[in-house]
Amino acid sequence: ALVLTGGGDVDPSMYGGNGNHQTLCEISVERDTFERDLVKISLDRAIPILGICRGMQLVNVVLGGTLITDLEEAGRRPHRTVNGVKCRHEVRLEAGSALARHLGVDGGWVMSSHHQAVDRIGAGLTLAALSDDGVVEALELAGTGGVVHAILVQWHPERMGGTPLSGGLRKFFFNSLTTK
């Protein structure tokens, strides 16, 4: 399996964005290139992918999607820590999504820490969750035989304890590894 973690911003040159935007931080062309290549190999070899925060954004870009460079500038509320207050918000899972089916919930509260987000969804990805302000919070990529090839979430399940959207997500991903 491939697990892509959070981290610095995805280089806007990968999706035609503004590379001079003042809110961009911790861009690493080396990391972007390395992880892009890993995503392509994983897709070619049907290796399951779990993308968390930046990982979701990167997979979306690799599949031809784009990003909102800065949520607040785009008129959305912050989805990151502001003045020491961590961002906790609600998400709604899309009815019929693999996440909704496997987790047995239609939504819940998540912790997030990002200022970029998915804008145009990449080829083959389907929407799995939205925040209450319309930000894409989860995407899925179907594999063969009904198996989910990629589970991509904008939130940080590693910061949330044992909720269905964290512990349940981990179980769902591990089960995807054993059903191949």
Protein backbone atom coordinates (compact mmCIF):
# COMPACT_ATOMS: atom_id res chain seq x y z
CA ALA A 1 0.00 0.00 0.00
CA LEU A 2 0.96 3.62 -0.43
CA VAL A 3 0.16 6.12 2.33
CA LEU A 4 0.62 9.79 1.45
CA THR A 5 0.68 12.07 4.47
CA GLY A 6 0.05 15.74 5.07
CA GLY A 7 2.73 18.38 4.75
CA GLY A 8 3.62 21.44 2.73
CA ASP A 9 1.70 22.76 -0.24
CA VAL A 10 1.64 21.03 -3.61
CA ASP A 11 3.62 23.05 -6.15
CA PRO A 12 1.08 25.08 -8.18
CA SER A 13 3.10 24.46 -11.36
CA MET A 14 1.73 20.89 -11.20
CA TYR A 15 -1.85 22.10 -11.74
CA GLY A 16 -1.54 25.49 -13.43
CA GLY A 17 -1.96 27.50 -10.24
CA ASN A 18 -0.37 30.73 -9.06
CA GLY A 19 3.16 29.88 -7.93
CA ASN A 20 3.68 33.35 -6.46
CA HIS A 21 0.73 33.28 -4.07
CA GLN A 22 1.72 34.74 -0.67
CA THR A 23 0.10 31.91 1.35
CA LEU A 24 2.12 29.07 -0.22
CA CYS A 25 4.44 27.32 2.20
CA GLU A 26 6.90 24.46 2.39
CA ILE A 27 6.79 23.61 -1.31
CA SER A 28 9.20 20.80 -2.15
CA VAL A 29 9.59 20.04 -5.84
CA GLU A 30 11.60 16.93 -4.90
CA ARG A 31 8.80 15.59 -2.69
CA ASP A 32 6.14 16.42 -5.27
CA THR A 33 8.10 14.65 -8.02
CA PHE A 34 8.88 11.61 -5.86
CA GLU A 35 5.30 11.20 -4.62
CA ARG A 36 3.85 11.85 -8.09
CA ASP A 37 5.96 8.98 -9.41
CA LEU A 38 4.86 6.73 -6.53
CA VAL A 39 1.20 7.53 -7.26
CA LYS A 40 1.67 6.67 -10.95
CA ILE A 41 3.37 3.37 -10.09
CA SER A 42 0.65 2.54 -7.53
CA LEU A 43 -2.08 3.28 -10.07
CA ASP A 44 -0.36 1.17 -12.74
CA ARG A 45 0.11 -1.76 -10.36
CA ALA A 46 -3.25 -1.44 -8.55
CA ILE A 47 -1.51 -0.80 -5.21
CA PRO A 48 -4.04 0.67 -2.72
CA ILE A 49 -3.54 4.34 -1.83
CA LEU A 50 -4.52 6.23 1.30
CA GLY A 51 -4.09 9.98 0.88
CA ILE A 52 -4.32 12.27 3.90
CA CYS A 53 -4.64 16.05 3.46
CA ARG A 54 -1.76 16.93 1.13
CA GLY A 55 -1.83 13.31 -0.05
CA MET A 56 -5.41 13.74 -1.26
CA GLN A 57 -4.51 16.97 -3.02
CA LEU A 58 -1.50 15.39 -4.73
CA VAL A 59 -3.42 12.36 -6.05
CA ASN A 60 -6.11 14.70 -7.35
CA VAL A 61 -3.47 16.76 -9.19
CA VAL A 62 -1.74 13.65 -10.59
CA LEU A 63 -5.12 12.63 -12.06
CA GLY A 64 -5.53 16.01 -13.77
CA GLY A 65 -7.47 17.85 -11.08
CA THR A 66 -6.77 21.32 -9.74
CA LEU A 67 -6.60 22.97 -6.33
CA ILE A 68 -7.96 26.11 -4.73
CA THR A 69 -4.73 27.88 -3.80
CA ASP A 70 -6.16 29.48 -0.65
CA LEU A 71 -9.60 28.74 0.84
CA GLU A 72 -9.95 32.01 2.72
CA GLU A 73 -9.08 34.08 -0.34
CA ALA A 74 -11.69 32.05 -2.24
CA GLY A 75 -14.31 33.13 0.32
CA ARG A 76 -14.36 29.98 2.45
CA ARG A 77 -13.86 29.82 6.19
CA PRO A 78 -10.50 28.65 7.55
CA HIS A 79 -9.86 24.90 7.60
CA ARG A 80 -6.65 25.25 9.58
CA THR A 81 -5.45 26.34 13.01
CA VAL A 82 -6.07 30.06 13.50
CA ASN A 83 -4.71 31.88 16.57
CA GLY A 84 -3.96 28.53 18.23
CA VAL A 85 -7.51 27.19 17.76
CA LYS A 86 -7.55 23.89 15.88
CA CYS A 87 -10.09 23.52 13.11
CA ARG A 88 -12.84 21.05 13.90
CA HIS A 89 -15.78 20.90 11.50
CA GLU A 90 -18.48 18.62 10.22
CA VAL A 91 -18.40 16.62 7.00
CA ARG A 92 -21.23 14.87 5.17
CA LEU A 93 -20.50 11.63 3.37
CA GLU A 94 -22.06 11.20 -0.06
CA ALA A 95 -24.88 8.65 -0.07
CA GLY A 96 -23.74 5.56 -1.93
CA SER A 97 -20.03 6.31 -1.53
CA ALA A 98 -17.78 3.47 -0.43
CA LEU A 99 -16.88 5.51 2.67
CA ALA A 100 -20.53 5.82 3.69
CA ARG A 101 -21.19 2.13 3.04
CA HIS A 102 -18.13 0.84 4.87
CA LEU A 103 -18.16 3.28 7.79
CA GLY A 104 -21.91 3.02 8.37
CA VAL A 105 -22.31 6.76 8.99
CA ASP A 106 -23.50 9.69 6.93
CA GLY A 107 -21.06 12.18 8.43
CA GLY A 108 -19.24 13.34 11.50
CA TRP A 109 -16.72 15.77 12.95
CA VAL A 110 -13.15 15.94 11.70
CA MET A 111 -9.91 17.81 12.43
CA SER A 112 -8.34 19.56 9.49
CA SER A 113 -5.32 21.72 8.86
CA HIS A 114 -5.14 23.05 5.30
CA HIS A 115 -5.56 26.20 3.29
CA GLN A 116 -5.53 24.52 -0.14
CA ALA A 117 -8.32 22.21 -1.28
CA VAL A 118 -9.58 20.31 -4.30
CA ASP A 119 -11.15 22.52 -6.94
CA ARG A 120 -11.69 20.47 -10.11
CA ILE A 121 -11.81 16.73 -9.33
CA GLY A 122 -9.31 14.58 -11.24
CA ALA A 123 -10.18 11.86 -13.75
CA GLY A 124 -11.68 8.71 -12.27
CA LEU A 125 -12.12 10.15 -8.78
CA THR A 126 -15.57 10.41 -7.24
CA LEU A 127 -16.75 12.72 -4.50
CA ALA A 128 -17.14 10.96 -1.15
CA ALA A 129 -17.57 13.84 1.34
CA LEU A 130 -18.05 17.60 1.60
CA SER A 131 -17.70 20.04 4.48
CA ASP A 132 -20.66 22.16 5.48
CA ASP A 133 -19.18 25.05 3.47
CA GLY A 134 -18.79 22.97 0.29
CA VAL A 135 -15.10 22.07 0.46
CA VAL A 136 -14.25 18.62 -0.96
CA GLU A 137 -13.31 16.50 2.06
CA ALA A 138 -12.99 12.99 0.60
CA LEU A 139 -12.53 11.35 -2.78
CA GLU A 140 -12.45 7.71 -3.89
CA LEU A 141 -11.02 5.86 -6.84
CA ALA A 142 -12.77 2.63 -7.74
CA GLY A 143 -10.68 -0.37 -8.66
CA THR A 144 -11.72 -3.58 -10.33
CA GLY A 145 -14.40 -5.83 -8.86
CA GLY A 146 -15.86 -3.13 -6.63
CA VAL A 147 -12.64 -2.74 -4.64
CA VAL A 148 -11.70 0.83 -3.72
CA HIS A 149 -8.25 1.56 -5.14
CA ALA A 150 -7.72 4.91 -3.41
CA ILE A 151 -9.25 6.49 -0.31
CA LEU A 152 -8.43 10.18 -0.08
CA VAL A 153 -9.40 12.41 2.85
CA GLN A 154 -8.73 16.07 3.53
CA TRP A 155 -8.95 15.63 7.30
CA HIS A 156 -6.35 14.19 9.68
CA PRO A 157 -7.62 10.86 11.07
CA GLU A 158 -4.40 10.42 13.06
CA ARG A 159 -5.48 13.39 15.22
CA MET A 160 -9.04 12.24 15.92
CA GLY A 161 -9.02 9.18 18.17
CA GLY A 162 -11.35 6.25 17.48
CA THR A 163 -14.24 7.90 15.65
CA PRO A 164 -15.72 6.20 12.56
CA LEU A 165 -13.99 8.81 10.40
CA SER A 166 -10.61 7.88 11.91
CA GLY A 167 -10.54 4.34 13.34
CA GLY A 168 -13.26 3.22 10.94
CA LEU A 169 -11.32 4.73 8.05
CA ARG A 170 -8.18 2.86 9.10
CA LYS A 171 -10.13 -0.42 9.28
CA PHE A 172 -11.72 0.23 5.87
CA PHE A 173 -8.29 0.87 4.32
CA PHE A 174 -6.70 -2.21 5.92
CA ASN A 175 -9.63 -4.32 4.71
CA SER A 176 -9.01 -3.03 1.19
CA LEU A 177 -5.53 -4.52 1.41
CA THR A 178 -6.78 -8.00 2.30
CA THR A 179 -9.56 -8.18 -0.31
CA LYS A 180 -7.18 -8.21 -3.27
